[in-house]
Amino acid sequence: MAEEHVPASHTAAREFFDRTADDYSERAEARTHDLSSLLFTRRRETVLELLDESGVRGKLLDFGMGPGVLAPSAVERGFEFIGVDISSEMVARAQALGLPRATYVVGDLDTLEGFRGSVDAVLAIGLIDYLEDPVDGLRRLSACLRPGGVLIVSFRNSAALNTLLRGV
């Protein structure tokens, strides 16, 4: 995709996550102990509980996967993991995990067209508020699902403490 066709928000998101990959990884992997890392841990536990309760297995697409925080647990559960992230730095970190049955792609919403109707579960964890058009994003994510598949989405509560403290 030519740079002039990439919306400014995509460029800003890619640059932000490339730049903050170290901090993000530390918090997501609980290598630092603060409110943010506790929230990451709780969110990961909740997503995995939802996956387990869904009973779905097969291919799992994690859109906005960051450094592959959920990849090891997904692979342990028998999923074929497909991670998509706009940040090449995050994708490189996920690839470094060396997991079997895991594929990683640098991409954005347009990349999802290649996964239409082909996966059993889609995760969109903590990224909806980064999308220019969340409704369009949810449509594209759900279009990746096979019949009977599950879409698990999380987003920030605009009144939550962690949202108010974000960027401080």
Protein backbone atom coordinates (compact mmCIF):
# COMPACT_ATOMS: atom_id res chain seq x y z
CA MET A 1 0.00 0.00 0.00
CA ALA A 2 1.46 3.37 -0.99
CA GLU A 3 2.08 5.68 1.95
CA GLU A 4 -0.16 8.42 0.53
CA HIS A 5 -3.17 6.07 0.77
CA VAL A 6 -2.65 5.30 4.44
CA PRO A 7 -4.86 7.45 6.68
CA ALA A 8 -2.96 9.62 9.12
CA SER A 9 -4.42 7.68 12.05
CA HIS A 10 -2.91 4.45 10.68
CA THR A 11 0.47 6.09 10.40
CA ALA A 12 0.17 7.55 13.88
CA ALA A 13 -0.87 4.18 15.34
CA ARG A 14 1.97 2.34 13.62
CA GLU A 15 4.53 4.92 14.79
CA PHE A 16 3.10 4.95 18.33
CA PHE A 17 3.25 1.17 18.75
CA ASP A 18 6.67 0.87 17.11
CA ARG A 19 7.94 3.55 19.51
CA THR A 20 6.31 2.15 22.67
CA ALA A 21 6.89 -1.57 22.03
CA ASP A 22 9.30 -1.97 24.96
CA ASP A 23 6.94 -0.38 27.49
CA TYR A 24 3.90 -2.18 26.05
CA SER A 25 5.67 -5.55 26.23
CA GLU A 26 6.78 -4.99 29.82
CA ARG A 27 3.24 -4.15 30.94
CA ALA A 28 1.53 -6.85 28.85
CA GLU A 29 3.92 -9.55 30.04
CA ALA A 30 3.72 -8.35 33.68
CA ARG A 31 7.46 -7.67 33.84
CA THR A 32 6.56 -4.41 35.54
CA HIS A 33 4.13 -4.16 38.43
CA ASP A 34 1.71 -1.27 38.23
CA LEU A 35 -1.97 -0.63 37.55
CA SER A 36 -1.48 -1.05 33.82
CA SER A 37 0.18 -4.45 34.11
CA LEU A 38 -2.57 -5.62 36.47
CA LEU A 39 -5.18 -4.53 33.92
CA PHE A 40 -3.32 -6.35 31.12
CA THR A 41 -3.22 -9.52 33.23
CA ARG A 42 -6.92 -9.34 34.07
CA ARG A 43 -7.88 -8.64 30.46
CA ARG A 44 -5.78 -11.61 29.24
CA GLU A 45 -7.41 -13.90 31.83
CA THR A 46 -10.89 -12.70 30.82
CA VAL A 47 -10.25 -13.23 27.10
CA LEU A 48 -8.92 -16.74 27.72
CA GLU A 49 -11.94 -17.57 29.91
CA LEU A 50 -14.26 -16.40 27.12
CA LEU A 51 -12.37 -18.49 24.56
CA ASP A 52 -12.56 -21.55 26.80
CA GLU A 53 -16.28 -21.05 27.45
CA SER A 54 -16.99 -20.63 23.73
CA GLY A 55 -15.81 -24.18 23.02
CA VAL A 56 -14.46 -23.02 19.67
CA ARG A 57 -11.17 -24.42 18.36
CA GLY A 58 -9.37 -24.19 15.04
CA LYS A 59 -7.99 -20.98 13.59
CA LEU A 60 -7.81 -17.88 15.76
CA LEU A 61 -7.10 -14.43 14.30
CA ASP A 62 -5.84 -11.87 16.83
CA PHE A 63 -6.18 -8.44 15.22
CA GLY A 64 -3.94 -5.86 16.89
CA MET A 65 -2.07 -8.66 18.66
CA GLY A 66 0.80 -6.48 19.90
CA PRO A 67 3.83 -8.60 20.82
CA GLY A 68 1.75 -11.80 20.74
CA VAL A 69 0.66 -11.71 24.36
CA LEU A 70 -2.20 -14.15 23.78
CA ALA A 71 -0.36 -16.32 21.23
CA PRO A 72 1.25 -18.82 23.66
CA SER A 73 -2.04 -19.47 25.48
CA ALA A 74 -3.94 -19.81 22.19
CA VAL A 75 -1.42 -22.31 20.81
CA GLU A 76 -1.48 -24.25 24.12
CA ARG A 77 -5.25 -24.52 23.70
CA GLY A 78 -4.81 -26.08 20.26
CA PHE A 79 -5.51 -23.05 18.10
CA GLU A 80 -3.67 -22.22 14.93
CA PHE A 81 -2.76 -18.62 15.77
CA ILE A 82 -2.80 -15.82 13.19
CA GLY A 83 -1.65 -12.47 14.52
CA VAL A 84 -2.10 -9.20 12.64
CA ASP A 85 -0.64 -5.93 13.84
CA ILE A 86 0.03 -2.57 12.21
CA SER A 87 3.41 -2.36 13.95
CA SER A 88 6.33 -4.25 12.40
CA GLU A 89 8.10 -3.99 15.76
CA MET A 90 5.22 -5.78 17.51
CA VAL A 91 5.17 -8.47 14.80
CA ALA A 92 8.92 -9.01 15.17
CA ARG A 93 8.47 -9.48 18.93
CA ALA A 94 5.70 -12.02 18.37
CA GLN A 95 7.80 -13.91 15.82
CA ALA A 96 10.61 -14.10 18.38
CA LEU A 97 8.34 -16.29 20.53
CA GLY A 98 9.07 -19.10 18.06
CA LEU A 99 5.67 -20.73 18.49
CA PRO A 100 4.52 -23.64 16.34
CA ARG A 101 1.21 -23.17 14.48
CA ALA A 102 1.59 -19.38 14.63
CA THR A 103 1.69 -16.91 11.75
CA TYR A 104 2.20 -13.17 12.03
CA VAL A 105 1.32 -10.45 9.54
CA VAL A 106 2.03 -6.72 9.46
CA GLY A 107 -1.28 -5.26 8.36
CA ASP A 108 -4.36 -3.18 8.95
CA LEU A 109 -8.10 -3.54 8.32
CA ASP A 110 -7.50 -4.00 4.59
CA THR A 111 -5.45 -7.10 5.40
CA LEU A 112 -8.56 -8.77 6.81
CA GLU A 113 -9.97 -9.29 3.30
CA GLY A 114 -7.53 -12.19 2.93
CA PHE A 115 -9.09 -13.94 5.93
CA ARG A 116 -12.77 -13.56 4.97
CA GLY A 117 -14.79 -16.57 6.18
CA SER A 118 -11.69 -18.54 7.16
CA VAL A 119 -11.26 -18.44 10.96
CA ASP A 120 -13.11 -19.82 13.96
CA ALA A 121 -12.34 -17.05 16.43
CA VAL A 122 -11.39 -13.39 16.12
CA LEU A 123 -9.91 -11.32 18.91
CA ALA A 124 -9.88 -7.52 18.87
CA ILE A 125 -8.57 -6.68 22.30
CA GLY A 126 -8.08 -3.03 23.29
CA LEU A 127 -7.97 -1.66 19.77
CA ILE A 128 -11.47 -0.57 18.79
CA ASP A 129 -10.82 2.96 20.07
CA TYR A 130 -7.87 3.24 17.65
CA LEU A 131 -10.08 2.71 14.59
CA GLU A 132 -11.35 5.66 12.57
CA ASP A 133 -14.65 3.84 11.95
CA PRO A 134 -15.27 1.22 14.68
CA VAL A 135 -18.49 -0.04 13.07
CA ASP A 136 -16.69 -0.72 9.78
CA GLY A 137 -13.88 -2.38 11.73
CA LEU A 138 -16.30 -4.69 13.53
CA ARG A 139 -17.97 -5.61 10.23
CA ARG A 140 -14.60 -6.48 8.70
CA LEU A 141 -13.55 -8.49 11.74
CA SER A 142 -16.79 -10.47 11.86
CA ALA A 143 -16.56 -11.17 8.10
CA CYS A 144 -13.44 -13.23 8.84
CA LEU A 145 -15.47 -15.75 10.83
CA ARG A 146 -16.72 -19.09 9.64
CA PRO A 147 -20.31 -19.94 10.57
CA GLY A 148 -20.50 -20.55 14.33
CA GLY A 149 -17.30 -18.61 14.99
CA VAL A 150 -16.84 -16.18 17.86
CA LEU A 151 -15.74 -12.56 17.95
CA ILE A 152 -14.28 -11.35 21.25
CA VAL A 153 -13.84 -7.59 21.51
CA SER A 154 -12.72 -5.31 24.30
CA PHE A 155 -12.47 -1.57 24.38
CA ARG A 156 -11.76 1.09 26.93
CA ASN A 157 -14.45 2.49 29.14
CA SER A 158 -14.03 6.24 28.65
CA ALA A 159 -14.81 6.84 32.33
CA ALA A 160 -12.45 4.17 33.69
CA LEU A 161 -9.48 5.19 35.81
CA ASN A 162 -6.94 3.65 33.44
CA THR A 163 -8.40 5.60 30.52
CA LEU A 164 -8.26 8.85 32.48
CA LEU A 165 -4.63 8.15 33.41
CA ARG A 166 -3.63 7.11 29.87
CA GLY A 167 -0.88 9.32 28.56
CA VAL A 168 -0.08 10.80 31.97
